[in-house]
Amino acid sequence: MCRIRFRWTSLAILALFAPLASGCSQRAAAVQASEFWGFTGPWDAESDRSLRDHGGRLQAVVTGWITLDSLTGMPVLPSPYTDTVRSKVGTLRRMAIVTSWHGERFHAASVRSLAAAPERLARAAGAIGRYASTMGYAGPVFDLETLEPADLQAQLGVMKAIADSSRLRGVSVIAAAIPATDTAGYPARRLLEVADYLIVMLYDQHWLEDPAIWGRVVH
């Protein structure tokens, strides 16, 4: 298992990731020695401006937002946040967040609800896969926080269904953002059975004037 350290720098809402050291496995050898990932806030025009200013330094950027309904777990599509940079990023790999965040918090019940209803999960996965393909996304970045260790099978099942559906429709990259301090609820080795990358959240949001904070990606 290979680990890559990333420097997190906030530019408006856009965040740049700069790997400082790549690992050692044959699989990781395909990863560029230096790769920048960015995250935009589709609700903020300043984020678009930051992407235009710094997009030339990026290899991937998260521009999409797919919310899972807090009760049913079904994706809210089309997204309530328009992907305003859809045609402005050239050859960058564009990604979309798939998140259980709704209102002012994460809703673990959305993941549990989907996992407990296979037919609904299949519909949700199909809808997300089709949407990702239509929007030209390279893949999803799962952000399913506040899950507990007992939810691991539900988490893996939901991620796998969506990943499989997306890959069938041409999506090439599957990533997941996970809490840095919860290895019981988010065990890296198990999650890497589904995801290509794990974004371990060692950072926090900060303003333009704040110093950079370190994060880590597992591949």
N, C-alpha and C. Protein backbone atom coordinates (compact mmCIF):
# COMPACT_ATOMS: atom_id res chain seq x y z
N MET A 1 0.86 -1.18 0.00
CA MET A 1 0.00 0.00 0.00
C MET A 1 0.89 1.23 0.00
N CYS A 2 0.61 2.17 -0.85
CA CYS A 2 1.45 3.33 -1.05
C CYS A 2 0.80 4.56 -0.44
N ARG A 3 1.58 5.44 0.15
CA ARG A 3 1.04 6.66 0.75
C ARG A 3 1.68 7.87 0.10
N ILE A 4 0.85 8.87 -0.19
CA ILE A 4 1.33 10.10 -0.81
C ILE A 4 0.92 11.28 0.06
N ARG A 5 1.87 12.11 0.44
CA ARG A 5 1.52 13.27 1.26
C ARG A 5 1.16 14.45 0.37
N PHE A 6 0.13 15.15 0.76
CA PHE A 6 -0.35 16.27 -0.02
C PHE A 6 -0.33 17.55 0.80
N ARG A 7 0.01 18.64 0.16
CA ARG A 7 -0.06 19.95 0.80
C ARG A 7 -1.38 20.59 0.40
N TRP A 8 -2.14 21.02 1.39
CA TRP A 8 -3.47 21.59 1.16
C TRP A 8 -3.37 23.10 1.24
N THR A 9 -3.68 23.79 0.16
CA THR A 9 -3.60 25.23 0.14
C THR A 9 -4.94 25.78 -0.32
N SER A 10 -5.54 26.64 0.47
CA SER A 10 -6.85 27.16 0.13
C SER A 10 -6.71 28.41 -0.73
N LEU A 11 -7.36 28.44 -1.88
CA LEU A 11 -7.41 29.60 -2.74
C LEU A 11 -8.88 29.84 -3.02
N ALA A 12 -9.46 30.86 -2.39
CA ALA A 12 -10.91 31.00 -2.34
C ALA A 12 -11.44 29.68 -1.79
N ILE A 13 -12.31 28.99 -2.54
CA ILE A 13 -12.74 27.68 -2.06
C ILE A 13 -11.92 26.58 -2.74
N LEU A 14 -11.20 26.94 -3.79
CA LEU A 14 -10.38 25.94 -4.48
C LEU A 14 -9.23 25.49 -3.59
N ALA A 15 -9.04 24.21 -3.47
CA ALA A 15 -7.94 23.66 -2.67
C ALA A 15 -7.00 22.91 -3.58
N LEU A 16 -5.71 23.17 -3.46
CA LEU A 16 -4.71 22.51 -4.29
C LEU A 16 -4.00 21.45 -3.49
N PHE A 17 -3.82 20.28 -4.08
CA PHE A 17 -3.09 19.20 -3.44
C PHE A 17 -1.77 19.00 -4.17
N ALA A 18 -0.65 19.04 -3.44
CA ALA A 18 0.65 18.83 -4.07
C ALA A 18 1.36 17.67 -3.40
N PRO A 19 1.48 16.51 -4.06
CA PRO A 19 2.15 15.38 -3.43
C PRO A 19 3.64 15.64 -3.28
N LEU A 20 4.17 15.33 -2.10
CA LEU A 20 5.58 15.53 -1.84
C LEU A 20 6.37 14.25 -1.95
N ALA A 21 5.74 13.13 -1.72
CA ALA A 21 6.47 11.86 -1.80
C ALA A 21 5.53 10.77 -2.26
N SER A 22 5.95 10.03 -3.26
CA SER A 22 5.12 8.92 -3.72
C SER A 22 5.70 7.63 -3.19
N GLY A 23 4.85 6.57 -3.22
CA GLY A 23 5.26 5.32 -2.58
C GLY A 23 5.90 4.34 -3.53
N CYS A 24 5.71 3.08 -3.19
CA CYS A 24 6.64 2.10 -3.70
C CYS A 24 6.03 0.95 -4.47
N SER A 25 4.75 0.79 -4.52
CA SER A 25 4.19 -0.39 -5.18
C SER A 25 4.17 -0.22 -6.69
N GLN A 26 4.02 -1.33 -7.39
CA GLN A 26 3.97 -1.29 -8.85
C GLN A 26 2.76 -0.50 -9.31
N ARG A 27 1.65 -0.63 -8.57
CA ARG A 27 0.44 0.09 -8.94
C ARG A 27 0.66 1.59 -8.82
N ALA A 28 1.35 2.03 -7.76
CA ALA A 28 1.55 3.46 -7.53
C ALA A 28 2.53 4.06 -8.51
N ALA A 29 3.31 3.23 -9.19
CA ALA A 29 4.28 3.76 -10.13
C ALA A 29 3.61 4.52 -11.27
N ALA A 30 2.33 4.21 -11.50
CA ALA A 30 1.60 4.89 -12.56
C ALA A 30 1.19 6.30 -12.15
N VAL A 31 1.24 6.59 -10.87
CA VAL A 31 0.86 7.92 -10.39
C VAL A 31 1.96 8.90 -10.70
N GLN A 32 1.62 10.08 -11.16
CA GLN A 32 2.63 11.09 -11.45
C GLN A 32 3.38 11.45 -10.19
N ALA A 33 4.67 11.81 -10.36
CA ALA A 33 5.50 12.16 -9.21
C ALA A 33 4.94 13.38 -8.50
N SER A 34 4.31 14.26 -9.24
CA SER A 34 3.71 15.44 -8.64
C SER A 34 2.35 15.66 -9.29
N GLU A 35 1.31 15.58 -8.51
CA GLU A 35 -0.05 15.72 -9.04
C GLU A 35 -0.87 16.63 -8.14
N PHE A 36 -1.55 17.59 -8.73
CA PHE A 36 -2.36 18.54 -7.99
C PHE A 36 -3.84 18.23 -8.20
N TRP A 37 -4.57 18.13 -7.10
CA TRP A 37 -6.03 18.00 -7.16
C TRP A 37 -6.65 19.24 -6.55
N GLY A 38 -7.76 19.67 -7.09
CA GLY A 38 -8.45 20.84 -6.56
C GLY A 38 -9.90 20.54 -6.25
N PHE A 39 -10.46 21.35 -5.37
CA PHE A 39 -11.88 21.23 -5.03
C PHE A 39 -12.52 22.60 -5.16
N THR A 40 -13.59 22.69 -5.94
CA THR A 40 -14.31 23.95 -6.07
C THR A 40 -15.61 23.88 -5.31
N GLY A 41 -16.09 25.04 -4.88
CA GLY A 41 -17.42 25.15 -4.30
C GLY A 41 -18.36 25.65 -5.39
N PRO A 42 -19.20 24.79 -5.95
CA PRO A 42 -20.02 25.20 -7.09
C PRO A 42 -21.03 26.29 -6.76
N TRP A 43 -21.15 26.64 -5.48
CA TRP A 43 -22.07 27.70 -5.08
C TRP A 43 -21.39 29.07 -5.00
N ASP A 44 -20.08 29.15 -5.30
CA ASP A 44 -19.33 30.37 -5.08
C ASP A 44 -18.55 30.77 -6.32
N ALA A 45 -18.85 31.95 -6.87
CA ALA A 45 -18.17 32.41 -8.08
C ALA A 45 -16.68 32.60 -7.87
N GLU A 46 -16.25 32.93 -6.65
CA GLU A 46 -14.83 33.09 -6.37
C GLU A 46 -14.07 31.79 -6.61
N SER A 47 -14.74 30.68 -6.38
CA SER A 47 -14.13 29.39 -6.62
C SER A 47 -13.83 29.19 -8.11
N ASP A 48 -14.76 29.62 -8.96
CA ASP A 48 -14.54 29.54 -10.40
C ASP A 48 -13.35 30.39 -10.80
N ARG A 49 -13.26 31.59 -10.24
CA ARG A 49 -12.15 32.48 -10.57
C ARG A 49 -10.82 31.86 -10.16
N SER A 50 -10.80 31.26 -8.99
CA SER A 50 -9.58 30.62 -8.51
C SER A 50 -9.17 29.47 -9.43
N LEU A 51 -10.15 28.71 -9.90
CA LEU A 51 -9.85 27.62 -10.82
C LEU A 51 -9.27 28.15 -12.12
N ARG A 52 -9.84 29.23 -12.64
CA ARG A 52 -9.30 29.82 -13.87
C ARG A 52 -7.86 30.29 -13.67
N ASP A 53 -7.58 30.85 -12.48
CA ASP A 53 -6.24 31.38 -12.21
C ASP A 53 -5.20 30.27 -12.03
N HIS A 54 -5.62 29.14 -11.45
CA HIS A 54 -4.66 28.12 -11.06
C HIS A 54 -4.90 26.77 -11.74
N GLY A 55 -5.88 26.71 -12.64
CA GLY A 55 -6.21 25.43 -13.27
C GLY A 55 -5.06 24.81 -14.03
N GLY A 56 -4.14 25.62 -14.50
CA GLY A 56 -3.00 25.09 -15.23
C GLY A 56 -2.08 24.24 -14.38
N ARG A 57 -2.22 24.32 -13.04
CA ARG A 57 -1.38 23.53 -12.14
C ARG A 57 -2.06 22.24 -11.70
N LEU A 58 -3.29 22.03 -12.15
CA LEU A 58 -4.09 20.90 -11.67
C LEU A 58 -4.14 19.76 -12.68
N GLN A 59 -4.20 18.54 -12.15
CA GLN A 59 -4.47 17.38 -12.98
C GLN A 59 -5.91 16.88 -12.78
N ALA A 60 -6.50 17.20 -11.65
CA ALA A 60 -7.89 16.80 -11.37
C ALA A 60 -8.55 17.87 -10.54
N VAL A 61 -9.85 18.03 -10.73
CA VAL A 61 -10.58 19.04 -9.97
C VAL A 61 -11.99 18.53 -9.70
N VAL A 62 -12.45 18.70 -8.47
CA VAL A 62 -13.81 18.33 -8.10
C VAL A 62 -14.71 19.52 -8.36
N THR A 63 -15.59 19.40 -9.34
CA THR A 63 -16.48 20.50 -9.70
C THR A 63 -17.96 20.15 -9.51
N GLY A 64 -18.26 18.85 -9.34
CA GLY A 64 -19.66 18.42 -9.23
C GLY A 64 -20.06 18.11 -7.81
N TRP A 65 -21.36 18.12 -7.55
CA TRP A 65 -21.90 17.88 -6.22
C TRP A 65 -23.15 17.02 -6.34
N ILE A 66 -23.09 15.80 -5.79
CA ILE A 66 -24.24 14.90 -5.82
C ILE A 66 -24.62 14.57 -4.38
N THR A 67 -25.78 15.03 -3.96
CA THR A 67 -26.26 14.83 -2.60
C THR A 67 -27.15 13.59 -2.53
N LEU A 68 -26.96 12.78 -1.50
CA LEU A 68 -27.86 11.66 -1.24
C LEU A 68 -28.97 12.13 -0.29
N ASP A 69 -30.21 11.88 -0.66
CA ASP A 69 -31.33 12.29 0.17
C ASP A 69 -31.20 11.70 1.58
N SER A 70 -31.48 12.52 2.58
CA SER A 70 -31.24 12.11 3.97
C SER A 70 -32.16 10.98 4.43
N LEU A 71 -33.29 10.76 3.75
CA LEU A 71 -34.21 9.69 4.16
C LEU A 71 -34.07 8.45 3.28
N THR A 72 -34.13 8.66 1.96
CA THR A 72 -34.15 7.51 1.05
C THR A 72 -32.75 7.13 0.56
N GLY A 73 -31.80 8.06 0.62
CA GLY A 73 -30.48 7.81 0.07
C GLY A 73 -30.39 8.01 -1.43
N MET A 74 -31.51 8.30 -2.08
CA MET A 74 -31.50 8.50 -3.53
C MET A 74 -30.78 9.80 -3.87
N PRO A 75 -30.04 9.84 -4.98
CA PRO A 75 -29.33 11.06 -5.35
C PRO A 75 -30.28 12.17 -5.75
N VAL A 76 -29.99 13.36 -5.32
CA VAL A 76 -30.78 14.53 -5.70
C VAL A 76 -30.22 15.04 -7.03
N LEU A 77 -30.90 14.70 -8.12
CA LEU A 77 -30.44 15.04 -9.47
C LEU A 77 -31.57 15.65 -10.27
N PRO A 78 -31.28 16.68 -11.07
CA PRO A 78 -29.96 17.29 -11.21
C PRO A 78 -29.50 17.94 -9.91
N SER A 79 -28.21 18.16 -9.81
CA SER A 79 -27.65 18.71 -8.59
C SER A 79 -28.21 20.09 -8.30
N PRO A 80 -28.48 20.39 -7.02
CA PRO A 80 -28.93 21.74 -6.67
C PRO A 80 -27.84 22.78 -6.89
N TYR A 81 -26.59 22.33 -7.04
CA TYR A 81 -25.47 23.24 -7.31
C TYR A 81 -25.00 23.02 -8.74
N THR A 82 -25.26 24.00 -9.60
CA THR A 82 -24.89 23.87 -11.00
C THR A 82 -23.37 23.84 -11.14
N ASP A 83 -22.89 22.91 -11.95
CA ASP A 83 -21.46 22.82 -12.22
C ASP A 83 -21.09 23.90 -13.22
N THR A 84 -20.74 25.07 -12.73
CA THR A 84 -20.53 26.22 -13.60
C THR A 84 -19.22 26.18 -14.35
N VAL A 85 -18.30 25.29 -13.97
CA VAL A 85 -17.01 25.22 -14.67
C VAL A 85 -16.98 24.04 -15.63
N ARG A 86 -18.14 23.55 -15.97
CA ARG A 86 -18.23 22.35 -16.81
C ARG A 86 -17.42 22.46 -18.09
N SER A 87 -17.41 23.63 -18.72
CA SER A 87 -16.75 23.77 -20.01
C SER A 87 -15.48 24.61 -19.92
N LYS A 88 -14.92 24.77 -18.72
CA LYS A 88 -13.81 25.71 -18.55
C LYS A 88 -12.53 25.07 -18.04
N VAL A 89 -12.44 23.76 -18.03
CA VAL A 89 -11.29 23.14 -17.39
C VAL A 89 -10.40 22.37 -18.37
N GLY A 90 -10.62 22.52 -19.66
CA GLY A 90 -9.73 21.91 -20.63
C GLY A 90 -9.61 20.41 -20.47
N THR A 91 -8.38 19.92 -20.31
CA THR A 91 -8.13 18.48 -20.24
C THR A 91 -8.09 17.95 -18.82
N LEU A 92 -8.41 18.76 -17.82
CA LEU A 92 -8.40 18.29 -16.44
C LEU A 92 -9.40 17.16 -16.24
N ARG A 93 -9.06 16.22 -15.35
CA ARG A 93 -10.03 15.22 -14.92
C ARG A 93 -11.01 15.91 -13.98
N ARG A 94 -12.28 15.87 -14.31
CA ARG A 94 -13.30 16.48 -13.48
C ARG A 94 -13.96 15.39 -12.63
N MET A 95 -14.12 15.66 -11.35
CA MET A 95 -14.68 14.71 -10.40
C MET A 95 -15.95 15.30 -9.80
N ALA A 96 -16.75 14.44 -9.16
CA ALA A 96 -17.96 14.90 -8.48
C ALA A 96 -18.03 14.29 -7.07
N ILE A 97 -18.29 15.12 -6.08
CA ILE A 97 -18.52 14.65 -4.72
C ILE A 97 -19.84 13.88 -4.69
N VAL A 98 -19.85 12.70 -4.07
CA VAL A 98 -21.09 11.99 -3.74
C VAL A 98 -21.16 11.99 -2.22
N THR A 99 -22.08 12.75 -1.65
CA THR A 99 -22.03 13.03 -0.23
C THR A 99 -23.36 12.80 0.49
N SER A 100 -23.25 12.43 1.74
CA SER A 100 -24.44 12.30 2.60
C SER A 100 -24.70 13.58 3.37
N TRP A 101 -23.97 14.64 3.04
CA TRP A 101 -24.20 15.95 3.66
C TRP A 101 -25.49 16.54 3.15
N HIS A 102 -26.33 16.99 4.05
CA HIS A 102 -27.60 17.62 3.68
C HIS A 102 -27.98 18.57 4.80
N GLY A 103 -28.38 19.78 4.46
CA GLY A 103 -28.71 20.76 5.49
C GLY A 103 -27.44 21.25 6.15
N GLU A 104 -27.24 20.87 7.42
CA GLU A 104 -26.05 21.33 8.15
C GLU A 104 -25.25 20.19 8.75
N ARG A 105 -25.47 18.97 8.26
CA ARG A 105 -24.72 17.85 8.82
C ARG A 105 -24.75 16.66 7.87
N PHE A 106 -23.92 15.66 8.18
CA PHE A 106 -23.94 14.41 7.44
C PHE A 106 -25.05 13.51 7.99
N HIS A 107 -25.63 12.71 7.09
CA HIS A 107 -26.73 11.82 7.46
C HIS A 107 -26.33 10.38 7.17
N ALA A 108 -25.86 9.68 8.18
CA ALA A 108 -25.47 8.28 8.01
C ALA A 108 -26.66 7.43 7.59
N ALA A 109 -27.87 7.85 7.96
CA ALA A 109 -29.07 7.08 7.63
C ALA A 109 -29.25 6.91 6.13
N SER A 110 -28.76 7.85 5.34
CA SER A 110 -28.92 7.73 3.88
C SER A 110 -28.15 6.53 3.35
N VAL A 111 -26.97 6.27 3.89
CA VAL A 111 -26.17 5.12 3.47
C VAL A 111 -26.81 3.83 3.96
N ARG A 112 -27.26 3.83 5.22
CA ARG A 112 -27.89 2.63 5.77
C ARG A 112 -29.17 2.29 5.02
N SER A 113 -29.94 3.32 4.65
CA SER A 113 -31.19 3.11 3.94
C SER A 113 -30.95 2.49 2.57
N LEU A 114 -29.96 2.99 1.85
CA LEU A 114 -29.65 2.43 0.53
C LEU A 114 -29.17 0.99 0.64
N ALA A 115 -28.29 0.73 1.59
CA ALA A 115 -27.73 -0.62 1.74
C ALA A 115 -28.81 -1.64 2.08
N ALA A 116 -29.85 -1.20 2.77
CA ALA A 116 -30.91 -2.12 3.20
C ALA A 116 -31.96 -2.35 2.12
N ALA A 117 -31.85 -1.64 1.00
CA ALA A 117 -32.85 -1.76 -0.07
C ALA A 117 -32.14 -1.97 -1.40
N PRO A 118 -31.79 -3.21 -1.75
CA PRO A 118 -30.99 -3.47 -2.95
C PRO A 118 -31.55 -2.90 -4.24
N GLU A 119 -32.88 -2.97 -4.41
CA GLU A 119 -33.45 -2.45 -5.65
C GLU A 119 -33.30 -0.93 -5.72
N ARG A 120 -33.50 -0.26 -4.59
CA ARG A 120 -33.33 1.20 -4.56
C ARG A 120 -31.87 1.57 -4.77
N LEU A 121 -30.96 0.79 -4.17
CA LEU A 121 -29.54 1.04 -4.36
C LEU A 121 -29.16 0.90 -5.82
N ALA A 122 -29.71 -0.10 -6.49
CA ALA A 122 -29.41 -0.28 -7.92
C ALA A 122 -29.89 0.93 -8.72
N ARG A 123 -31.08 1.45 -8.38
CA ARG A 123 -31.59 2.63 -9.09
C ARG A 123 -30.71 3.84 -8.81
N ALA A 124 -30.31 4.00 -7.55
CA ALA A 124 -29.46 5.13 -7.19
C ALA A 124 -28.11 5.05 -7.91
N ALA A 125 -27.52 3.86 -7.91
CA ALA A 125 -26.22 3.68 -8.57
C ALA A 125 -26.33 3.95 -10.07
N GLY A 126 -27.40 3.47 -10.67
CA GLY A 126 -27.60 3.72 -12.09
C GLY A 126 -27.76 5.19 -12.40
N ALA A 127 -28.52 5.89 -11.57
CA ALA A 127 -28.73 7.33 -11.78
C ALA A 127 -27.42 8.10 -11.64
N ILE A 128 -26.61 7.75 -10.64
CA ILE A 128 -25.34 8.44 -10.45
C ILE A 128 -24.38 8.13 -11.59
N GLY A 129 -24.33 6.86 -12.01
CA GLY A 129 -23.47 6.49 -13.13
C GLY A 129 -23.83 7.22 -14.40
N ARG A 130 -25.13 7.28 -14.70
CA ARG A 130 -25.57 7.99 -15.90
C ARG A 130 -25.26 9.47 -15.82
N TYR A 131 -25.49 10.06 -14.65
CA TYR A 131 -25.23 11.49 -14.48
C TYR A 131 -23.74 11.78 -14.63
N ALA A 132 -22.90 10.95 -14.03
CA ALA A 132 -21.46 11.15 -14.13
C ALA A 132 -21.00 11.06 -15.59
N SER A 133 -21.55 10.09 -16.32
CA SER A 133 -21.19 9.93 -17.72
C SER A 133 -21.66 11.13 -18.55
N THR A 134 -22.89 11.55 -18.32
CA THR A 134 -23.44 12.68 -19.07
C THR A 134 -22.65 13.96 -18.83
N MET A 135 -22.24 14.16 -17.57
CA MET A 135 -21.51 15.38 -17.21
C MET A 135 -20.02 15.29 -17.54
N GLY A 136 -19.56 14.13 -17.97
CA GLY A 136 -18.17 13.99 -18.33
C GLY A 136 -17.22 13.89 -17.15
N TYR A 137 -17.71 13.41 -15.99
CA TYR A 137 -16.84 13.28 -14.82
C TYR A 137 -15.93 12.06 -14.95
N ALA A 138 -14.69 12.21 -14.46
CA ALA A 138 -13.76 11.08 -14.45
C ALA A 138 -14.13 10.09 -13.37
N GLY A 139 -14.87 10.54 -12.35
CA GLY A 139 -15.28 9.64 -11.29
C GLY A 139 -15.84 10.36 -10.09
N PRO A 140 -16.37 9.59 -9.13
CA PRO A 140 -16.92 10.16 -7.90
C PRO A 140 -15.86 10.23 -6.80
N VAL A 141 -16.05 11.17 -5.89
CA VAL A 141 -15.29 11.22 -4.64
C VAL A 141 -16.31 11.05 -3.52
N PHE A 142 -16.36 9.88 -2.90
CA PHE A 142 -17.33 9.62 -1.85
C PHE A 142 -16.97 10.41 -0.59
N ASP A 143 -17.97 11.04 -0.01
CA ASP A 143 -17.79 11.77 1.26
C ASP A 143 -18.95 11.37 2.17
N LEU A 144 -18.82 10.21 2.80
CA LEU A 144 -19.90 9.61 3.59
C LEU A 144 -19.46 9.57 5.06
N GLU A 145 -19.53 10.69 5.71
CA GLU A 145 -18.98 10.80 7.07
C GLU A 145 -20.01 10.44 8.13
N THR A 146 -19.53 10.33 9.36
CA THR A 146 -20.29 9.99 10.59
C THR A 146 -20.80 8.56 10.60
N LEU A 147 -20.26 7.69 9.75
CA LEU A 147 -20.61 6.28 9.81
C LEU A 147 -19.88 5.61 10.97
N GLU A 148 -20.44 4.50 11.46
CA GLU A 148 -19.87 3.78 12.59
C GLU A 148 -19.27 2.46 12.11
N PRO A 149 -18.43 1.81 12.94
CA PRO A 149 -17.85 0.53 12.52
C PRO A 149 -18.89 -0.49 12.07
N ALA A 150 -20.05 -0.49 12.71
CA ALA A 150 -21.10 -1.44 12.33
C ALA A 150 -21.66 -1.17 10.94
N ASP A 151 -21.37 0.01 10.39
CA ASP A 151 -21.89 0.38 9.07
C ASP A 151 -20.93 0.00 7.94
N LEU A 152 -19.83 -0.68 8.25
CA LEU A 152 -18.81 -0.91 7.23
C LEU A 152 -19.36 -1.65 6.01
N GLN A 153 -20.10 -2.73 6.23
CA GLN A 153 -20.63 -3.48 5.09
C GLN A 153 -21.60 -2.63 4.28
N ALA A 154 -22.40 -1.82 4.95
CA ALA A 154 -23.31 -0.93 4.24
C ALA A 154 -22.52 0.08 3.42
N GLN A 155 -21.48 0.63 4.02
CA GLN A 155 -20.64 1.61 3.32
C GLN A 155 -19.99 0.99 2.08
N LEU A 156 -19.41 -0.19 2.24
CA LEU A 156 -18.76 -0.86 1.12
C LEU A 156 -19.76 -1.23 0.03
N GLY A 157 -20.94 -1.69 0.45
CA GLY A 157 -21.95 -2.08 -0.53
C GLY A 157 -22.43 -0.91 -1.36
N VAL A 158 -22.67 0.23 -0.70
CA VAL A 158 -23.13 1.42 -1.42
C VAL A 158 -22.04 1.94 -2.36
N MET A 159 -20.81 2.01 -1.85
CA MET A 159 -19.71 2.49 -2.68
C MET A 159 -19.50 1.58 -3.89
N LYS A 160 -19.54 0.27 -3.67
CA LYS A 160 -19.29 -0.67 -4.77
C LYS A 160 -20.37 -0.59 -5.84
N ALA A 161 -21.62 -0.49 -5.42
CA ALA A 161 -22.70 -0.41 -6.39
C ALA A 161 -22.55 0.82 -7.27
N ILE A 162 -22.25 1.96 -6.65
CA ILE A 162 -22.09 3.20 -7.40
C ILE A 162 -20.83 3.15 -8.25
N ALA A 163 -19.73 2.61 -7.69
CA ALA A 163 -18.49 2.50 -8.46
C ALA A 163 -18.67 1.59 -9.68
N ASP A 164 -19.32 0.44 -9.49
CA ASP A 164 -19.52 -0.49 -10.61
C ASP A 164 -20.37 0.15 -11.70
N SER A 165 -21.44 0.82 -11.30
CA SER A 165 -22.32 1.46 -12.27
C SER A 165 -21.58 2.56 -13.03
N SER A 166 -20.76 3.31 -12.31
CA SER A 166 -20.01 4.40 -12.94
C SER A 166 -18.97 3.86 -13.92
N ARG A 167 -18.26 2.81 -13.50
CA ARG A 167 -17.23 2.24 -14.39
C ARG A 167 -17.85 1.66 -15.66
N LEU A 168 -19.03 1.08 -15.54
CA LEU A 168 -19.70 0.55 -16.72
C LEU A 168 -20.00 1.64 -17.74
N ARG A 169 -20.08 2.87 -17.26
CA ARG A 169 -20.41 4.00 -18.13
C ARG A 169 -19.20 4.87 -18.45
N GLY A 170 -18.00 4.31 -18.28
CA GLY A 170 -16.79 4.99 -18.72
C GLY A 170 -16.04 5.77 -17.67
N VAL A 171 -16.53 5.78 -16.44
CA VAL A 171 -15.81 6.48 -15.37
C VAL A 171 -14.56 5.69 -15.01
N SER A 172 -13.45 6.38 -14.77
CA SER A 172 -12.18 5.69 -14.62
C SER A 172 -11.55 5.78 -13.23
N VAL A 173 -11.99 6.73 -12.39
CA VAL A 173 -11.34 6.95 -11.10
C VAL A 173 -12.39 6.93 -9.99
N ILE A 174 -12.14 6.16 -8.93
CA ILE A 174 -13.02 6.12 -7.77
C ILE A 174 -12.20 6.56 -6.56
N ALA A 175 -12.68 7.57 -5.85
CA ALA A 175 -11.96 8.08 -4.67
C ALA A 175 -12.93 8.20 -3.51
N ALA A 176 -12.38 8.23 -2.30
CA ALA A 176 -13.20 8.42 -1.10
C ALA A 176 -12.45 9.29 -0.11
N ALA A 177 -13.15 10.27 0.43
CA ALA A 177 -12.59 11.12 1.49
C ALA A 177 -13.00 10.50 2.83
N ILE A 178 -12.02 10.28 3.71
CA ILE A 178 -12.31 9.60 4.98
C ILE A 178 -11.70 10.35 6.15
N PRO A 179 -12.31 10.27 7.34
CA PRO A 179 -11.75 10.91 8.52
C PRO A 179 -10.39 10.30 8.88
N ALA A 180 -9.48 11.14 9.33
CA ALA A 180 -8.13 10.66 9.63
C ALA A 180 -8.06 9.88 10.93
N THR A 181 -8.98 10.12 11.84
CA THR A 181 -8.86 9.55 13.19
C THR A 181 -9.80 8.39 13.45
N ASP A 182 -10.55 7.94 12.44
CA ASP A 182 -11.51 6.86 12.64
C ASP A 182 -11.15 5.68 11.76
N THR A 183 -10.19 4.89 12.18
CA THR A 183 -9.78 3.73 11.39
C THR A 183 -10.71 2.54 11.59
N ALA A 184 -11.57 2.59 12.60
CA ALA A 184 -12.54 1.52 12.81
C ALA A 184 -13.72 1.66 11.84
N GLY A 185 -14.24 2.87 11.72
CA GLY A 185 -15.35 3.10 10.81
C GLY A 185 -14.93 3.20 9.36
N TYR A 186 -13.65 3.56 9.13
CA TYR A 186 -13.15 3.76 7.78
C TYR A 186 -11.79 3.07 7.60
N PRO A 187 -11.76 1.73 7.64
CA PRO A 187 -10.49 0.99 7.49
C PRO A 187 -9.98 1.09 6.06
N ALA A 188 -8.76 1.61 5.92
CA ALA A 188 -8.23 1.90 4.59
C ALA A 188 -8.16 0.66 3.70
N ARG A 189 -7.66 -0.45 4.24
CA ARG A 189 -7.48 -1.64 3.40
C ARG A 189 -8.82 -2.13 2.81
N ARG A 190 -9.87 -2.09 3.59
CA ARG A 190 -11.17 -2.53 3.11
C ARG A 190 -11.73 -1.55 2.07
N LEU A 191 -11.58 -0.28 2.33
CA LEU A 191 -12.12 0.71 1.40
C LEU A 191 -11.39 0.71 0.07
N LEU A 192 -10.09 0.35 0.11
CA LEU A 192 -9.32 0.27 -1.13
C LEU A 192 -9.70 -0.95 -1.97
N GLU A 193 -10.56 -1.81 -1.43
CA GLU A 193 -11.11 -2.88 -2.26
C GLU A 193 -12.08 -2.31 -3.29
N VAL A 194 -12.60 -1.11 -3.01
CA VAL A 194 -13.56 -0.46 -3.91
C VAL A 194 -12.95 0.77 -4.57
N ALA A 195 -12.28 1.60 -3.77
CA ALA A 195 -11.77 2.87 -4.26
C ALA A 195 -10.34 2.75 -4.78
N ASP A 196 -10.00 3.61 -5.74
CA ASP A 196 -8.63 3.70 -6.24
C ASP A 196 -7.78 4.60 -5.36
N TYR A 197 -8.40 5.63 -4.78
CA TYR A 197 -7.70 6.59 -3.93
C TYR A 197 -8.51 6.83 -2.66
N LEU A 198 -7.82 7.02 -1.54
CA LEU A 198 -8.44 7.51 -0.32
C LEU A 198 -7.83 8.87 0.01
N ILE A 199 -8.68 9.85 0.23
CA ILE A 199 -8.23 11.17 0.65
C ILE A 199 -8.44 11.24 2.16
N VAL A 200 -7.37 11.10 2.91
CA VAL A 200 -7.45 11.07 4.37
C VAL A 200 -7.47 12.51 4.87
N MET A 201 -8.54 12.88 5.56
CA MET A 201 -8.78 14.28 5.88
C MET A 201 -8.00 14.71 7.12
N LEU A 202 -6.75 15.08 6.90
CA LEU A 202 -5.90 15.60 7.96
C LEU A 202 -5.93 17.12 7.99
N TYR A 203 -6.62 17.70 7.04
CA TYR A 203 -6.69 19.14 6.92
C TYR A 203 -7.96 19.68 7.56
N ASP A 204 -8.10 20.99 7.52
CA ASP A 204 -9.34 21.65 7.91
C ASP A 204 -9.52 22.83 6.98
N GLN A 205 -10.74 23.36 6.89
CA GLN A 205 -10.96 24.54 6.08
C GLN A 205 -10.26 25.73 6.73
N HIS A 206 -9.74 26.63 5.90
CA HIS A 206 -9.07 27.80 6.43
C HIS A 206 -9.14 28.92 5.40
N TRP A 207 -8.80 30.13 5.82
CA TRP A 207 -8.91 31.29 4.96
C TRP A 207 -7.65 31.44 4.12
N LEU A 208 -7.69 32.37 3.15
CA LEU A 208 -6.58 32.58 2.25
C LEU A 208 -5.28 32.90 2.98
N GLU A 209 -5.38 33.62 4.11
CA GLU A 209 -4.19 34.06 4.82
C GLU A 209 -3.61 32.99 5.73
N ASP A 210 -4.33 31.90 5.95
CA ASP A 210 -3.86 30.87 6.88
C ASP A 210 -2.72 30.06 6.27
N PRO A 211 -1.86 29.47 7.11
CA PRO A 211 -0.81 28.61 6.58
C PRO A 211 -1.37 27.30 6.05
N ALA A 212 -0.59 26.65 5.20
CA ALA A 212 -1.01 25.37 4.61
C ALA A 212 -1.09 24.29 5.68
N ILE A 213 -1.97 23.31 5.46
CA ILE A 213 -2.16 22.18 6.36
C ILE A 213 -1.94 20.91 5.57
N TRP A 214 -1.36 19.89 6.19
CA TRP A 214 -1.01 18.67 5.49
C TRP A 214 -2.16 17.68 5.44
N GLY A 215 -2.29 17.03 4.31
CA GLY A 215 -3.23 15.93 4.14
C GLY A 215 -2.50 14.73 3.58
N ARG A 216 -3.20 13.63 3.40
CA ARG A 216 -2.55 12.42 2.90
C ARG A 216 -3.53 11.66 2.01
N VAL A 217 -3.00 11.15 0.90
CA VAL A 217 -3.79 10.32 0.01
C VAL A 217 -3.20 8.92 -0.01
N VAL A 218 -4.05 7.92 0.10
CA VAL A 218 -3.62 6.51 0.05
C VAL A 218 -4.08 5.93 -1.28
N HIS A 219 -3.19 5.26 -1.97
CA HIS A 219 -3.49 4.72 -3.30
C HIS A 219 -3.11 3.24 -3.34
